Amino acid sequence: LAPYGFGGTDNMAQEGAHALFGDGELVKRLGAIGY
């Protein structure tokens, strides 16, 4: 989960990639299919 926003004008680095996938939802879904 890389911080982002510094390379553009959004400057959303405070949010980070985890904000896009709230509460580990991606990890839960991948875990459900065996990863």
Full PDB file with SEQRES, HELIX, SHEET, SSBOND, CRYST1, ORIGX, SCALE, CONECT and MASTER records, all heavy atoms in Angstrom:
SEQRES   1 A   35  LEU ALA PRO TYR GLY PHE GLY GLY THR ASP ASN MET ALA          
SEQRES   2 A   35  GLN GLU GLY ALA HIS ALA LEU PHE GLY ASP GLY GLU LEU          
SEQRES   3 A   35  VAL LYS ARG LEU GLY ALA ILE GLY TYR                          
HELIX    1 AA1 ALA A   17  PHE A   21  5                                   5    
HELIX    2 AA2 GLU A   25  ALA A   32  1                                   8    
CRYST1    1.000    1.000    1.000  90.00  90.00  90.00 P 1           1          
ORIGX1      1.000000  0.000000  0.000000        0.00000                         
ORIGX2      0.000000  1.000000  0.000000        0.00000                         
ORIGX3      0.000000  0.000000  1.000000        0.00000                         
SCALE1      1.000000  0.000000  0.000000        0.00000                         
SCALE2      0.000000  1.000000  0.000000        0.00000                         
SCALE3      0.000000  0.000000  1.000000        0.00000                         
ATOM      1  N   LEU A   1       0.842  -1.190   0.000  1.00  0.00           N  
ATOM      2  CA  LEU A   1       0.000   0.000   0.000  1.00  0.00           C  
ATOM      3  C   LEU A   1       0.883   1.248   0.000  1.00  0.00           C  
ATOM      4  O   LEU A   1       1.370   1.678   1.039  1.00  0.00           O  
ATOM      5  CB  LEU A   1      -0.914  -0.009   1.221  1.00  0.00           C  
ATOM      6  CG  LEU A   1      -1.830  -1.237   1.326  1.00  0.00           C  
ATOM      7  CD1 LEU A   1      -2.589  -1.234   2.629  1.00  0.00           C  
ATOM      8  CD2 LEU A   1      -2.774  -1.306   0.147  1.00  0.00           C  
ATOM      9  N   ALA A   2       1.100   1.772  -1.168  1.00  0.00           N  
ATOM     10  CA  ALA A   2       2.010   2.912  -1.312  1.00  0.00           C  
ATOM     11  C   ALA A   2       1.277   4.226  -1.106  1.00  0.00           C  
ATOM     12  O   ALA A   2       0.140   4.380  -1.553  1.00  0.00           O  
ATOM     13  CB  ALA A   2       2.653   2.885  -2.696  1.00  0.00           C  
ATOM     14  N   PRO A   3       1.924   5.175  -0.446  1.00  0.00           N  
ATOM     15  CA  PRO A   3       1.323   6.504  -0.377  1.00  0.00           C  
ATOM     16  C   PRO A   3       1.299   7.104  -1.771  1.00  0.00           C  
ATOM     17  O   PRO A   3       2.165   6.815  -2.583  1.00  0.00           O  
ATOM     18  CB  PRO A   3       2.260   7.274   0.547  1.00  0.00           C  
ATOM     19  CG  PRO A   3       3.523   6.517   0.561  1.00  0.00           C  
ATOM     20  CD  PRO A   3       3.217   5.103   0.191  1.00  0.00           C  
ATOM     21  N   TYR A   4       0.302   7.888  -2.061  1.00  0.00           N  
ATOM     22  CA  TYR A   4       0.206   8.443  -3.400  1.00  0.00           C  
ATOM     23  C   TYR A   4      -0.241   9.885  -3.338  1.00  0.00           C  
ATOM     24  O   TYR A   4      -0.662  10.374  -2.298  1.00  0.00           O  
ATOM     25  CB  TYR A   4      -0.738   7.627  -4.276  1.00  0.00           C  
ATOM     26  CG  TYR A   4      -2.175   7.644  -3.802  1.00  0.00           C  
ATOM     27  CD1 TYR A   4      -3.082   8.530  -4.365  1.00  0.00           C  
ATOM     28  CD2 TYR A   4      -2.607   6.801  -2.806  1.00  0.00           C  
ATOM     29  CE1 TYR A   4      -4.383   8.565  -3.939  1.00  0.00           C  
ATOM     30  CE2 TYR A   4      -3.919   6.823  -2.382  1.00  0.00           C  
ATOM     31  CZ  TYR A   4      -4.802   7.708  -2.950  1.00  0.00           C  
ATOM     32  OH  TYR A   4      -6.092   7.732  -2.523  1.00  0.00           O  
ATOM     33  N   GLY A   5      -0.137  10.534  -4.454  1.00  0.00           N  
ATOM     34  CA  GLY A   5      -0.590  11.898  -4.571  1.00  0.00           C  
ATOM     35  C   GLY A   5       0.523  12.898  -4.708  1.00  0.00           C  
ATOM     36  O   GLY A   5       0.294  14.007  -5.171  1.00  0.00           O  
ATOM     37  N   PHE A   6       1.727  12.552  -4.329  1.00  0.00           N  
ATOM     38  CA  PHE A   6       2.829  13.508  -4.407  1.00  0.00           C  
ATOM     39  C   PHE A   6       3.228  13.800  -5.849  1.00  0.00           C  
ATOM     40  O   PHE A   6       3.740  14.862  -6.143  1.00  0.00           O  
ATOM     41  CB  PHE A   6       4.056  12.994  -3.641  1.00  0.00           C  
ATOM     42  CG  PHE A   6       3.895  13.068  -2.158  1.00  0.00           C  
ATOM     43  CD1 PHE A   6       3.728  11.919  -1.409  1.00  0.00           C  
ATOM     44  CD2 PHE A   6       3.902  14.280  -1.503  1.00  0.00           C  
ATOM     45  CE1 PHE A   6       3.577  11.975  -0.037  1.00  0.00           C  
ATOM     46  CE2 PHE A   6       3.751  14.356  -0.125  1.00  0.00           C  
ATOM     47  CZ  PHE A   6       3.584  13.202   0.602  1.00  0.00           C  
ATOM     48  N   GLY A   7       3.022  12.844  -6.752  1.00  0.00           N  
ATOM     49  CA  GLY A   7       3.447  13.024  -8.133  1.00  0.00           C  
ATOM     50  C   GLY A   7       2.508  13.844  -8.977  1.00  0.00           C  
ATOM     51  O   GLY A   7       2.799  14.150 -10.119  1.00  0.00           O  
ATOM     52  N   GLY A   8       1.329  14.183  -8.430  1.00  0.00           N  
ATOM     53  CA  GLY A   8       0.355  14.982  -9.166  1.00  0.00           C  
ATOM     54  C   GLY A   8      -0.103  16.149  -8.331  1.00  0.00           C  
ATOM     55  O   GLY A   8       0.566  16.569  -7.389  1.00  0.00           O  
ATOM     56  N   THR A   9      -1.277  16.617  -8.648  1.00  0.00           N  
ATOM     57  CA  THR A   9      -1.797  17.770  -7.913  1.00  0.00           C  
ATOM     58  C   THR A   9      -2.879  17.384  -6.919  1.00  0.00           C  
ATOM     59  O   THR A   9      -3.398  18.237  -6.221  1.00  0.00           O  
ATOM     60  CB  THR A   9      -2.374  18.814  -8.891  1.00  0.00           C  
ATOM     61  OG1 THR A   9      -3.322  18.165  -9.730  1.00  0.00           O  
ATOM     62  CG2 THR A   9      -1.278  19.443  -9.709  1.00  0.00           C  
ATOM     63  N   ASP A  10      -3.209  16.097  -6.834  1.00  0.00           N  
ATOM     64  CA  ASP A  10      -4.249  15.658  -5.905  1.00  0.00           C  
ATOM     65  C   ASP A  10      -3.784  15.758  -4.458  1.00  0.00           C  
ATOM     66  O   ASP A  10      -4.569  16.012  -3.571  1.00  0.00           O  
ATOM     67  CB  ASP A  10      -4.662  14.212  -6.182  1.00  0.00           C  
ATOM     68  CG  ASP A  10      -5.306  14.060  -7.542  1.00  0.00           C  
ATOM     69  OD1 ASP A  10      -5.800  15.063  -8.080  1.00  0.00           O  
ATOM     70  OD2 ASP A  10      -5.307  12.935  -8.049  1.00  0.00           O  
ATOM     71  N   ASN A  11      -2.499  15.489  -4.230  1.00  0.00           N  
ATOM     72  CA  ASN A  11      -1.909  15.518  -2.897  1.00  0.00           C  
ATOM     73  C   ASN A  11      -2.740  14.748  -1.881  1.00  0.00           C  
ATOM     74  O   ASN A  11      -3.024  15.214  -0.788  1.00  0.00           O  
ATOM     75  CB  ASN A  11      -1.663  16.962  -2.438  1.00  0.00           C  
ATOM     76  CG  ASN A  11      -0.638  17.631  -3.324  1.00  0.00           C  
ATOM     77  OD1 ASN A  11       0.354  17.020  -3.686  1.00  0.00           O  
ATOM     78  ND2 ASN A  11      -0.887  18.851  -3.710  1.00  0.00           N  
ATOM     79  N   MET A  12      -3.147  13.540  -2.271  1.00  0.00           N  
ATOM     80  CA  MET A  12      -3.946  12.681  -1.415  1.00  0.00           C  
ATOM     81  C   MET A  12      -3.070  11.745  -0.598  1.00  0.00           C  
ATOM     82  O   MET A  12      -3.525  10.745  -0.088  1.00  0.00           O  
ATOM     83  CB  MET A  12      -4.916  11.871  -2.267  1.00  0.00           C  
ATOM     84  CG  MET A  12      -5.934  12.740  -2.992  1.00  0.00           C  
ATOM     85  SD  MET A  12      -6.975  11.779  -4.109  1.00  0.00           S  
ATOM     86  CE  MET A  12      -7.814  10.712  -2.953  1.00  0.00           C  
ATOM     87  N   ALA A  13      -1.816  12.066  -0.448  1.00  0.00           N  
ATOM     88  CA  ALA A  13      -0.876  11.176   0.228  1.00  0.00           C  
ATOM     89  C   ALA A  13      -1.301  10.881   1.659  1.00  0.00           C  
ATOM     90  O   ALA A  13      -0.977   9.832   2.192  1.00  0.00           O  
ATOM     91  CB  ALA A  13       0.522  11.768   0.215  1.00  0.00           C  
ATOM     92  N   GLN A  14      -2.024  11.778   2.274  1.00  0.00           N  
ATOM     93  CA  GLN A  14      -2.468  11.535   3.633  1.00  0.00           C  
ATOM     94  C   GLN A  14      -3.451  10.363   3.668  1.00  0.00           C  
ATOM     95  O   GLN A  14      -3.541   9.643   4.641  1.00  0.00           O  
ATOM     96  CB  GLN A  14      -3.154  12.781   4.224  1.00  0.00           C  
ATOM     97  CG  GLN A  14      -2.258  13.992   4.308  1.00  0.00           C  
ATOM     98  CD  GLN A  14      -2.166  14.749   2.985  1.00  0.00           C  
ATOM     99  OE1 GLN A  14      -2.815  14.437   1.999  1.00  0.00           O  
ATOM    100  NE2 GLN A  14      -1.307  15.754   2.959  1.00  0.00           N  
ATOM    101  N   GLU A  15      -4.209  10.164   2.600  1.00  0.00           N  
ATOM    102  CA  GLU A  15      -5.184   9.089   2.524  1.00  0.00           C  
ATOM    103  C   GLU A  15      -4.507   7.740   2.352  1.00  0.00           C  
ATOM    104  O   GLU A  15      -4.832   6.790   3.022  1.00  0.00           O  
ATOM    105  CB  GLU A  15      -6.150   9.331   1.353  1.00  0.00           C  
ATOM    106  CG  GLU A  15      -6.955  10.603   1.483  1.00  0.00           C  
ATOM    107  CD  GLU A  15      -8.015  10.497   2.561  1.00  0.00           C  
ATOM    108  OE1 GLU A  15      -8.574   9.408   2.737  1.00  0.00           O  
ATOM    109  OE2 GLU A  15      -8.263  11.506   3.224  1.00  0.00           O  
ATOM    110  N   GLY A  16      -3.604   7.639   1.409  1.00  0.00           N  
ATOM    111  CA  GLY A  16      -2.921   6.388   1.126  1.00  0.00           C  
ATOM    112  C   GLY A  16      -3.811   5.411   0.379  1.00  0.00           C  
ATOM    113  O   GLY A  16      -5.017   5.584   0.284  1.00  0.00           O  
ATOM    114  N   ALA A  17      -3.214   4.373  -0.169  1.00  0.00           N  
ATOM    115  CA  ALA A  17      -3.953   3.393  -0.956  1.00  0.00           C  
ATOM    116  C   ALA A  17      -4.987   2.659  -0.121  1.00  0.00           C  
ATOM    117  O   ALA A  17      -6.011   2.225  -0.632  1.00  0.00           O  
ATOM    118  CB  ALA A  17      -2.985   2.402  -1.587  1.00  0.00           C  
ATOM    119  N   HIS A  18      -4.744   2.513   1.187  1.00  0.00           N  
ATOM    120  CA  HIS A  18      -5.693   1.791   2.027  1.00  0.00           C  
ATOM    121  C   HIS A  18      -7.073   2.444   2.027  1.00  0.00           C  
ATOM    122  O   HIS A  18      -8.078   1.775   2.226  1.00  0.00           O  
ATOM    123  CB  HIS A  18      -5.164   1.666   3.456  1.00  0.00           C  
ATOM    124  CG  HIS A  18      -4.983   2.970   4.153  1.00  0.00           C  
ATOM    125  ND1 HIS A  18      -3.866   3.752   3.961  1.00  0.00           N  
ATOM    126  CD2 HIS A  18      -5.799   3.649   4.987  1.00  0.00           C  
ATOM    127  CE1 HIS A  18      -3.994   4.860   4.680  1.00  0.00           C  
ATOM    128  NE2 HIS A  18      -5.150   4.824   5.301  1.00  0.00           N  
ATOM    129  N   ALA A  19      -7.147   3.721   1.778  1.00  0.00           N  
ATOM    130  CA  ALA A  19      -8.433   4.411   1.746  1.00  0.00           C  
ATOM    131  C   ALA A  19      -9.296   3.928   0.583  1.00  0.00           C  
ATOM    132  O   ALA A  19     -10.513   3.987   0.649  1.00  0.00           O  
ATOM    133  CB  ALA A  19      -8.229   5.915   1.662  1.00  0.00           C  
ATOM    134  N   LEU A  20      -8.655   3.440  -0.467  1.00  0.00           N  
ATOM    135  CA  LEU A  20      -9.396   2.955  -1.618  1.00  0.00           C  
ATOM    136  C   LEU A  20     -10.015   1.581  -1.382  1.00  0.00           C  
ATOM    137  O   LEU A  20     -10.946   1.195  -2.069  1.00  0.00           O  
ATOM    138  CB  LEU A  20      -8.460   2.859  -2.840  1.00  0.00           C  
ATOM    139  CG  LEU A  20      -7.814   4.157  -3.299  1.00  0.00           C  
ATOM    140  CD1 LEU A  20      -6.790   3.864  -4.377  1.00  0.00           C  
ATOM    141  CD2 LEU A  20      -8.859   5.118  -3.806  1.00  0.00           C  
ATOM    142  N   PHE A  21      -9.497   0.834  -0.437  1.00  0.00           N  
ATOM    143  CA  PHE A  21      -9.922  -0.547  -0.247  1.00  0.00           C  
ATOM    144  C   PHE A  21     -10.379  -0.801   1.186  1.00  0.00           C  
ATOM    145  O   PHE A  21     -10.299  -1.907   1.685  1.00  0.00           O  
ATOM    146  CB  PHE A  21      -8.779  -1.504  -0.615  1.00  0.00           C  
ATOM    147  CG  PHE A  21      -8.365  -1.336  -2.039  1.00  0.00           C  
ATOM    148  CD1 PHE A  21      -7.277  -0.555  -2.373  1.00  0.00           C  
ATOM    149  CD2 PHE A  21      -9.095  -1.921  -3.052  1.00  0.00           C  
ATOM    150  CE1 PHE A  21      -6.908  -0.370  -3.696  1.00  0.00           C  
ATOM    151  CE2 PHE A  21      -8.737  -1.739  -4.382  1.00  0.00           C  
ATOM    152  CZ  PHE A  21      -7.644  -0.969  -4.694  1.00  0.00           C  
ATOM    153  N   GLY A  22     -10.858   0.216   1.853  1.00  0.00           N  
ATOM    154  CA  GLY A  22     -11.289   0.251   3.241  1.00  0.00           C  
ATOM    155  C   GLY A  22     -11.337  -1.049   4.011  1.00  0.00           C  
ATOM    156  O   GLY A  22     -11.877  -2.052   3.552  1.00  0.00           O  
ATOM    157  N   ASP A  23     -10.778  -1.031   5.180  1.00  0.00           N  
ATOM    158  CA  ASP A  23     -10.839  -2.112   6.161  1.00  0.00           C  
ATOM    159  C   ASP A  23     -10.392  -3.475   5.627  1.00  0.00           C  
ATOM    160  O   ASP A  23     -10.954  -4.500   5.992  1.00  0.00           O  
ATOM    161  CB  ASP A  23     -12.249  -2.231   6.749  1.00  0.00           C  
ATOM    162  CG  ASP A  23     -12.650  -0.976   7.501  1.00  0.00           C  
ATOM    163  OD1 ASP A  23     -11.752  -0.325   8.073  1.00  0.00           O  
ATOM    164  OD2 ASP A  23     -13.846  -0.643   7.495  1.00  0.00           O  
ATOM    165  N   GLY A  24      -9.417  -3.492   4.756  1.00  0.00           N  
ATOM    166  CA  GLY A  24      -8.867  -4.767   4.289  1.00  0.00           C  
ATOM    167  C   GLY A  24      -9.810  -5.570   3.414  1.00  0.00           C  
ATOM    168  O   GLY A  24      -9.691  -6.791   3.315  1.00  0.00           O  
ATOM    169  N   GLU A  25     -10.751  -4.905   2.754  1.00  0.00           N  
ATOM    170  CA  GLU A  25     -11.733  -5.614   1.923  1.00  0.00           C  
ATOM    171  C   GLU A  25     -11.056  -6.436   0.820  1.00  0.00           C  
ATOM    172  O   GLU A  25     -11.456  -7.565   0.541  1.00  0.00           O  
ATOM    173  CB  GLU A  25     -12.724  -4.619   1.318  1.00  0.00           C  
ATOM    174  CG  GLU A  25     -13.862  -5.257   0.567  1.00  0.00           C  
ATOM    175  CD  GLU A  25     -14.768  -6.113   1.440  1.00  0.00           C  
ATOM    176  OE1 GLU A  25     -14.899  -5.854   2.651  1.00  0.00           O  
ATOM    177  OE2 GLU A  25     -15.349  -7.066   0.881  1.00  0.00           O  
ATOM    178  N   LEU A  26     -10.031  -5.888   0.189  1.00  0.00           N  
ATOM    179  CA  LEU A  26      -9.325  -6.622  -0.864  1.00  0.00           C  
ATOM    180  C   LEU A  26      -8.688  -7.885  -0.300  1.00  0.00           C  
ATOM    181  O   LEU A  26      -8.787  -8.960  -0.895  1.00  0.00           O  
ATOM    182  CB  LEU A  26      -8.264  -5.732  -1.521  1.00  0.00           C  
ATOM    183  CG  LEU A  26      -7.430  -6.385  -2.620  1.00  0.00           C  
ATOM    184  CD1 LEU A  26      -8.316  -6.786  -3.796  1.00  0.00           C  
ATOM    185  CD2 LEU A  26      -6.336  -5.436  -3.082  1.00  0.00           C  
ATOM    186  N   VAL A  27      -8.050  -7.770   0.844  1.00  0.00           N  
ATOM    187  CA  VAL A  27      -7.410  -8.929   1.477  1.00  0.00           C  
ATOM    188  C   VAL A  27      -8.461  -9.994   1.821  1.00  0.00           C  
ATOM    189  O   VAL A  27      -8.246 -11.184   1.605  1.00  0.00           O  
ATOM    190  CB  VAL A  27      -6.615  -8.488   2.731  1.00  0.00           C  
ATOM    191  CG1 VAL A  27      -6.134  -9.687   3.525  1.00  0.00           C  
ATOM    192  CG2 VAL A  27      -5.437  -7.616   2.315  1.00  0.00           C  
ATOM    193  N   LYS A  28      -9.604  -9.572   2.328  1.00  0.00           N  
ATOM    194  CA  LYS A  28     -10.690 -10.518   2.652  1.00  0.00           C  
ATOM    195  C   LYS A  28     -11.157 -11.262   1.409  1.00  0.00           C  
ATOM    196  O   LYS A  28     -11.340 -12.479   1.432  1.00  0.00           O  
ATOM    197  CB  LYS A  28     -11.877  -9.785   3.278  1.00  0.00           C  
ATOM    198  CG  LYS A  28     -11.654  -9.304   4.683  1.00  0.00           C  
ATOM    199  CD  LYS A  28     -12.918  -8.597   5.172  1.00  0.00           C  
ATOM    200  CE  LYS A  28     -12.585  -7.595   6.248  1.00  0.00           C  
ATOM    201  NZ  LYS A  28     -13.725  -6.748   6.588  1.00  0.00           N  
ATOM    202  N   ARG A  29     -11.358 -10.523   0.337  1.00  0.00           N  
ATOM    203  CA  ARG A  29     -11.856 -11.152  -0.897  1.00  0.00           C  
ATOM    204  C   ARG A  29     -10.824 -12.106  -1.505  1.00  0.00           C  
ATOM    205  O   ARG A  29     -11.179 -13.178  -1.982  1.00  0.00           O  
ATOM    206  CB  ARG A  29     -12.264 -10.087  -1.905  1.00  0.00           C  
ATOM    207  CG  ARG A  29     -13.523  -9.373  -1.495  1.00  0.00           C  
ATOM    208  CD  ARG A  29     -13.920  -8.332  -2.497  1.00  0.00           C  
ATOM    209  NE  ARG A  29     -15.098  -7.632  -2.042  1.00  0.00           N  
ATOM    210  CZ  ARG A  29     -16.071  -7.271  -2.846  1.00  0.00           C  
ATOM    211  NH1 ARG A  29     -16.018  -7.526  -4.129  1.00  0.00           N  
ATOM    212  NH2 ARG A  29     -17.102  -6.627  -2.355  1.00  0.00           N  
ATOM    213  N   LEU A  30      -9.564 -11.709  -1.505  1.00  0.00           N  
ATOM    214  CA  LEU A  30      -8.527 -12.601  -2.030  1.00  0.00           C  
ATOM    215  C   LEU A  30      -8.368 -13.830  -1.128  1.00  0.00           C  
ATOM    216  O   LEU A  30      -8.142 -14.938  -1.612  1.00  0.00           O  
ATOM    217  CB  LEU A  30      -7.204 -11.850  -2.178  1.00  0.00           C  
ATOM    218  CG  LEU A  30      -7.159 -10.827  -3.315  1.00  0.00           C  
ATOM    219  CD1 LEU A  30      -5.914  -9.966  -3.209  1.00  0.00           C  
ATOM    220  CD2 LEU A  30      -7.227 -11.513  -4.669  1.00  0.00           C  
ATOM    221  N   GLY A  31      -8.480 -13.631   0.181  1.00  0.00           N  
ATOM    222  CA  GLY A  31      -8.429 -14.750   1.113  1.00  0.00           C  
ATOM    223  C   GLY A  31      -9.558 -15.738   0.885  1.00  0.00           C  
ATOM    224  O   GLY A  31      -9.379 -16.953   0.990  1.00  0.00           O  
ATOM    225  N   ALA A  32     -10.730 -15.247   0.520  1.00  0.00           N  
ATOM    226  CA  ALA A  32     -11.891 -16.100   0.281  1.00  0.00           C  
ATOM    227  C   ALA A  32     -11.697 -17.018  -0.928  1.00  0.00           C  
ATOM    228  O   ALA A  32     -12.332 -18.077  -1.013  1.00  0.00           O  
ATOM    229  CB  ALA A  32     -13.134 -15.244   0.096  1.00  0.00           C  
ATOM    230  N   ILE A  33     -10.809 -16.637  -1.834  1.00  0.00           N  
ATOM    231  CA  ILE A  33     -10.561 -17.503  -2.994  1.00  0.00           C  
ATOM    232  C   ILE A  33      -9.216 -18.224  -2.886  1.00  0.00           C  
ATOM    233  O   ILE A  33      -8.702 -18.738  -3.870  1.00  0.00           O  
ATOM    234  CB  ILE A  33     -10.680 -16.730  -4.327  1.00  0.00           C  
ATOM    235  CG1 ILE A  33      -9.707 -15.551  -4.396  1.00  0.00           C  
ATOM    236  CG2 ILE A  33     -12.110 -16.283  -4.556  1.00  0.00           C  
ATOM    237  CD1 ILE A  33      -9.644 -14.874  -5.756  1.00  0.00           C  
ATOM    238  N   GLY A  34      -8.653 -18.249  -1.677  1.00  0.00           N  
ATOM    239  CA  GLY A  34      -7.507 -19.103  -1.427  1.00  0.00           C  
ATOM    240  C   GLY A  34      -6.141 -18.461  -1.381  1.00  0.00           C  
ATOM    241  O   GLY A  34      -5.137 -19.166  -1.290  1.00  0.00           O  
ATOM    242  N   TYR A  35      -6.060 -17.156  -1.452  1.00  0.00           N  
ATOM    243  CA  TYR A  35      -4.767 -16.492  -1.387  1.00  0.00           C  
ATOM    244  C   TYR A  35      -4.464 -16.030   0.027  1.00  0.00           C  
ATOM    245  O   TYR A  35      -5.329 -15.509   0.718  1.00  0.00           O  
ATOM    246  CB  TYR A  35      -4.714 -15.284  -2.324  1.00  0.00           C  
ATOM    247  CG  TYR A  35      -4.724 -15.655  -3.773  1.00  0.00           C  
ATOM    248  CD1 TYR A  35      -5.890 -15.610  -4.519  1.00  0.00           C  
ATOM    249  CD2 TYR A  35      -3.555 -16.073  -4.396  1.00  0.00           C  
ATOM    250  CE1 TYR A  35      -5.903 -15.957  -5.854  1.00  0.00           C  
ATOM    251  CE2 TYR A  35      -3.554 -16.428  -5.732  1.00  0.00           C  
ATOM    252  CZ  TYR A  35      -4.733 -16.374  -6.451  1.00  0.00           C  
ATOM    253  OH  TYR A  35      -4.732 -16.724  -7.768  1.00  0.00           O  
TER     254      TYR A  35                                                      
MASTER        0    0    0    2    0    0    0    6  253    1    0    3          
END                                                                             
